[in-house]
């Protein structure tokens, strides 16, 4: 894929509030670190919505 791999991360603890955030990683090697970073931010209580 020219655009890169789409990294999707679930945000929200409950199923009702769960949303998925997609990030395009140009290199597939970046997908795992980006996913880990987003998971850490979510666990820290980062905002789950983008204005």
PDB file of N, CA and C in Angstrom:
ATOM      1  N   UNK A   1       0.843  -1.198   0.000  1.00  0.00           N
ATOM      2  CA  UNK A   1       0.000   0.000   0.000  1.00  0.00           C
ATOM      3  C   UNK A   1       0.876   1.246   0.000  1.00  0.00           C
ATOM      4  N   UNK A   2       0.554   2.147  -0.872  1.00  0.00           N
ATOM      5  CA  UNK A   2       1.364   3.351  -0.990  1.00  0.00           C
ATOM      6  C   UNK A   2       1.153   4.280   0.195  1.00  0.00           C
ATOM      7  N   UNK A   3      -0.074   4.302   0.720  1.00  0.00           N
ATOM      8  CA  UNK A   3      -0.381   5.200   1.830  1.00  0.00           C
ATOM      9  C   UNK A   3       0.152   4.661   3.146  1.00  0.00           C
ATOM     10  N   UNK A   4       0.490   3.398   3.179  1.00  0.00           N
ATOM     11  CA  UNK A   4       0.991   2.808   4.409  1.00  0.00           C
ATOM     12  C   UNK A   4      -0.071   1.965   5.078  1.00  0.00           C
ATOM     13  N   UNK A   5       0.318   1.326   6.154  1.00  0.00           N
ATOM     14  CA  UNK A   5      -0.614   0.464   6.876  1.00  0.00           C
ATOM     15  C   UNK A   5      -1.501   1.302   7.781  1.00  0.00           C
ATOM     16  N   UNK A   6      -2.763   0.922   7.866  1.00  0.00           N
ATOM     17  CA  UNK A   6      -3.693   1.623   8.739  1.00  0.00           C
ATOM     18  C   UNK A   6      -3.669   0.961  10.108  1.00  0.00           C
ATOM     19  N   UNK A   7      -3.274   1.754  11.098  1.00  0.00           N
ATOM     20  CA  UNK A   7      -3.219   1.247  12.463  1.00  0.00           C
ATOM     21  C   UNK A   7      -4.482   1.695  13.176  1.00  0.00           C
ATOM     22  N   UNK A   8      -5.290   0.749  13.608  1.00  0.00           N
ATOM     23  CA  UNK A   8      -6.518   1.097  14.314  1.00  0.00           C
ATOM     24  C   UNK A   8      -6.390   0.716  15.776  1.00  0.00           C
ATOM     25  N   UNK A   9      -6.807   1.612  16.636  1.00  0.00           N
ATOM     26  CA  UNK A   9      -6.692   1.389  18.076  1.00  0.00           C
ATOM     27  C   UNK A   9      -8.036   1.665  18.730  1.00  0.00           C
ATOM     28  N   UNK A  10      -8.532   0.730  19.525  1.00  0.00           N
ATOM     29  CA  UNK A  10      -9.784   0.967  20.235  1.00  0.00           C
ATOM     30  C   UNK A  10      -9.573   1.925  21.396  1.00  0.00           C
ATOM     31  N   UNK A  11     -10.457   2.897  21.545  1.00  0.00           N
ATOM     32  CA  UNK A  11     -10.363   3.855  22.640  1.00  0.00           C
ATOM     33  C   UNK A  11     -11.654   3.809  23.437  1.00  0.00           C
ATOM     34  N   UNK A  12     -11.504   3.730  24.724  1.00  0.00           N
ATOM     35  CA  UNK A  12     -12.683   3.625  25.591  1.00  0.00           C
ATOM     36  C   UNK A  12     -12.708   2.272  26.274  1.00  0.00           C
ATOM     37  N   UNK A  13     -13.034   2.270  27.547  1.00  0.00           N
ATOM     38  CA  UNK A  13     -12.986   1.026  28.312  1.00  0.00           C
ATOM     39  C   UNK A  13     -14.208   0.157  28.052  1.00  0.00           C
ATOM     40  N   UNK A  14     -15.367   0.773  27.914  1.00  0.00           N
ATOM     41  CA  UNK A  14     -16.591  -0.004  27.720  1.00  0.00           C
ATOM     42  C   UNK A  14     -16.898  -0.163  26.240  1.00  0.00           C
ATOM     43  N   UNK A  15     -17.703  -1.170  25.916  1.00  0.00           N
ATOM     44  CA  UNK A  15     -18.031  -1.421  24.521  1.00  0.00           C
ATOM     45  C   UNK A  15     -18.839  -0.299  23.905  1.00  0.00           C
ATOM     46  N   UNK A  16     -19.677   0.343  24.713  1.00  0.00           N
ATOM     47  CA  UNK A  16     -20.538   1.401  24.188  1.00  0.00           C
ATOM     48  C   UNK A  16     -19.714   2.628  23.818  1.00  0.00           C
ATOM     49  N   UNK A  17     -18.724   2.946  24.652  1.00  0.00           N
ATOM     50  CA  UNK A  17     -17.928   4.146  24.419  1.00  0.00           C
ATOM     51  C   UNK A  17     -16.737   3.874  23.511  1.00  0.00           C
ATOM     52  N   UNK A  18     -16.559   2.619  23.143  1.00  0.00           N
ATOM     53  CA  UNK A  18     -15.372   2.275  22.358  1.00  0.00           C
ATOM     54  C   UNK A  18     -15.433   2.906  20.979  1.00  0.00           C
ATOM     55  N   UNK A  19     -14.371   3.585  20.631  1.00  0.00           N
ATOM     56  CA  UNK A  19     -14.247   4.179  19.299  1.00  0.00           C
ATOM     57  C   UNK A  19     -12.927   3.696  18.716  1.00  0.00           C
ATOM     58  N   UNK A  20     -12.830   3.784  17.407  1.00  0.00           N
ATOM     59  CA  UNK A  20     -11.594   3.346  16.775  1.00  0.00           C
ATOM     60  C   UNK A  20     -10.897   4.532  16.139  1.00  0.00           C
ATOM     61  N   UNK A  21      -9.600   4.625  16.415  1.00  0.00           N
ATOM     62  CA  UNK A  21      -8.796   5.697  15.849  1.00  0.00           C
ATOM     63  C   UNK A  21      -7.863   5.084  14.819  1.00  0.00           C
ATOM     64  N   UNK A  22      -7.834   5.664  13.635  1.00  0.00           N
ATOM     65  CA  UNK A  22      -6.980   5.145  12.584  1.00  0.00           C
ATOM     66  C   UNK A  22      -5.813   6.070  12.310  1.00  0.00           C
ATOM     67  N   UNK A  23      -4.630   5.485  12.197  1.00  0.00           N
ATOM     68  CA  UNK A  23      -3.433   6.254  11.878  1.00  0.00           C
ATOM     69  C   UNK A  23      -2.705   5.528  10.759  1.00  0.00           C
ATOM     70  N   UNK A  24      -2.325   6.275   9.737  1.00  0.00           N
ATOM     71  CA  UNK A  24      -1.586   5.661   8.643  1.00  0.00           C
ATOM     72  C   UNK A  24      -0.093   5.717   8.935  1.00  0.00           C
ATOM     73  N   UNK A  25       0.545   4.560   8.929  1.00  0.00           N
ATOM     74  CA  UNK A  25       1.988   4.476   9.114  1.00  0.00           C
ATOM     75  C   UNK A  25       2.620   4.184   7.758  1.00  0.00           C
ATOM     76  N   UNK A  26       3.522   5.047   7.324  1.00  0.00           N
ATOM     77  CA  UNK A  26       4.133   4.853   6.007  1.00  0.00           C
ATOM     78  C   UNK A  26       4.969   3.581   5.973  1.00  0.00           C
ATOM     79  N   UNK A  27       5.570   3.254   7.106  1.00  0.00           N
ATOM     80  CA  UNK A  27       6.370   2.035   7.186  1.00  0.00           C
ATOM     81  C   UNK A  27       5.661   1.070   8.123  1.00  0.00           C
ATOM     82  N   UNK A  28       5.496  -0.155   7.691  1.00  0.00           N
ATOM     83  CA  UNK A  28       4.788  -1.126   8.521  1.00  0.00           C
ATOM     84  C   UNK A  28       5.513  -1.356   9.843  1.00  0.00           C
ATOM     85  N   UNK A  29       6.825  -1.071   9.868  1.00  0.00           N
ATOM     86  CA  UNK A  29       7.590  -1.231  11.106  1.00  0.00           C
ATOM     87  C   UNK A  29       7.160  -0.215  12.153  1.00  0.00           C
ATOM     88  N   UNK A  30       6.513   0.867  11.720  1.00  0.00           N
ATOM     89  CA  UNK A  30       6.073   1.901  12.656  1.00  0.00           C
ATOM     90  C   UNK A  30       4.711   1.583  13.262  1.00  0.00           C
ATOM     91  N   UNK A  31       4.026   0.627  12.691  1.00  0.00           N
ATOM     92  CA  UNK A  31       2.661   0.347  13.132  1.00  0.00           C
ATOM     93  C   UNK A  31       2.610  -0.063  14.603  1.00  0.00           C
ATOM     94  N   UNK A  32       3.468  -0.989  14.999  1.00  0.00           N
ATOM     95  CA  UNK A  32       3.447  -1.470  16.384  1.00  0.00           C
ATOM     96  C   UNK A  32       3.788  -0.371  17.389  1.00  0.00           C
ATOM     97  N   UNK A  33       4.854   0.406  17.170  1.00  0.00           N
ATOM     98  CA  UNK A  33       5.156   1.492  18.118  1.00  0.00           C
ATOM     99  C   UNK A  33       4.045   2.524  18.210  1.00  0.00           C
ATOM    100  N   UNK A  34       3.412   2.852  17.091  1.00  0.00           N
ATOM    101  CA  UNK A  34       2.321   3.830  17.115  1.00  0.00           C
ATOM    102  C   UNK A  34       1.153   3.267  17.914  1.00  0.00           C
ATOM    103  N   UNK A  35       0.849   1.991  17.697  1.00  0.00           N
ATOM    104  CA  UNK A  35      -0.246   1.364  18.429  1.00  0.00           C
ATOM    105  C   UNK A  35       0.051   1.360  19.925  1.00  0.00           C
ATOM    106  N   UNK A  36       1.295   1.038  20.275  1.00  0.00           N
ATOM    107  CA  UNK A  36       1.672   1.017  21.691  1.00  0.00           C
ATOM    108  C   UNK A  36       1.572   2.407  22.300  1.00  0.00           C
ATOM    109  N   UNK A  37       2.030   3.413  21.564  1.00  0.00           N
ATOM    110  CA  UNK A  37       1.994   4.783  22.070  1.00  0.00           C
ATOM    111  C   UNK A  37       0.555   5.236  22.309  1.00  0.00           C
ATOM    112  N   UNK A  38      -0.331   4.945  21.358  1.00  0.00           N
ATOM    113  CA  UNK A  38      -1.731   5.340  21.517  1.00  0.00           C
ATOM    114  C   UNK A  38      -2.378   4.611  22.691  1.00  0.00           C
ATOM    115  N   UNK A  39      -2.007   3.349  22.878  1.00  0.00           N
ATOM    116  CA  UNK A  39      -2.552   2.600  24.014  1.00  0.00           C
ATOM    117  C   UNK A  39      -2.092   3.206  25.328  1.00  0.00           C
ATOM    118  N   UNK A  40      -0.812   3.622  25.387  1.00  0.00           N
ATOM    119  CA  UNK A  40      -0.285   4.242  26.605  1.00  0.00           C
ATOM    120  C   UNK A  40      -1.010   5.554  26.875  1.00  0.00           C
ATOM    121  N   UNK A  41      -1.196   6.367  25.845  1.00  0.00           N
ATOM    122  CA  UNK A  41      -1.879   7.649  26.018  1.00  0.00           C
ATOM    123  C   UNK A  41      -3.314   7.440  26.477  1.00  0.00           C
ATOM    124  N   UNK A  42      -3.961   6.425  25.930  1.00  0.00           N
ATOM    125  CA  UNK A  42      -5.337   6.137  26.322  1.00  0.00           C
ATOM    126  C   UNK A  42      -5.397   5.719  27.788  1.00  0.00           C
ATOM    127  N   UNK A  43      -4.447   4.885  28.198  1.00  0.00           N
ATOM    128  CA  UNK A  43      -4.424   4.426  29.587  1.00  0.00           C
ATOM    129  C   UNK A  43      -4.158   5.582  30.546  1.00  0.00           C
ATOM    130  N   UNK A  44      -3.444   6.604  30.074  1.00  0.00           N
ATOM    131  CA  UNK A  44      -3.131   7.758  30.909  1.00  0.00           C
ATOM    132  C   UNK A  44      -4.313   8.724  30.989  1.00  0.00           C
ATOM    133  N   UNK A  45      -5.351   8.461  30.207  1.00  0.00           N
ATOM    134  CA  UNK A  45      -6.539   9.305  30.269  1.00  0.00           C
ATOM    135  C   UNK A  45      -6.505  10.457  29.286  1.00  0.00           C
ATOM    136  N   UNK A  46      -5.826  10.255  28.163  1.00  0.00           N
ATOM    137  CA  UNK A  46      -5.785  11.296  27.140  1.00  0.00           C
ATOM    138  C   UNK A  46      -7.181  11.473  26.548  1.00  0.00           C
ATOM    139  N   UNK A  47      -7.470  12.658  26.014  1.00  0.00           N
ATOM    140  CA  UNK A  47      -8.779  12.898  25.393  1.00  0.00           C
ATOM    141  C   UNK A  47      -9.043  11.869  24.298  1.00  0.00           C
ATOM    142  N   UNK A  48     -10.273  11.394  24.220  1.00  0.00           N
ATOM    143  CA  UNK A  48     -10.600  10.363  23.241  1.00  0.00           C
ATOM    144  C   UNK A  48     -11.282  10.942  22.010  1.00  0.00           C
ATOM    145  N   UNK A  49     -11.506  12.257  22.008  1.00  0.00           N
ATOM    146  CA  UNK A  49     -12.155  12.859  20.848  1.00  0.00           C
ATOM    147  C   UNK A  49     -11.300  13.998  20.312  1.00  0.00           C
ATOM    148  N   UNK A  50     -11.337  14.148  18.995  1.00  0.00           N
ATOM    149  CA  UNK A  50     -10.564  15.211  18.356  1.00  0.00           C
ATOM    150  C   UNK A  50     -11.521  16.324  17.960  1.00  0.00           C
ATOM    151  N   UNK A  51     -11.239  17.537  18.389  1.00  0.00           N
ATOM    152  CA  UNK A  51     -12.136  18.664  18.072  1.00  0.00           C
ATOM    153  C   UNK A  51     -12.211  18.929  16.578  1.00  0.00           C
TER     154      UNK A  51
END
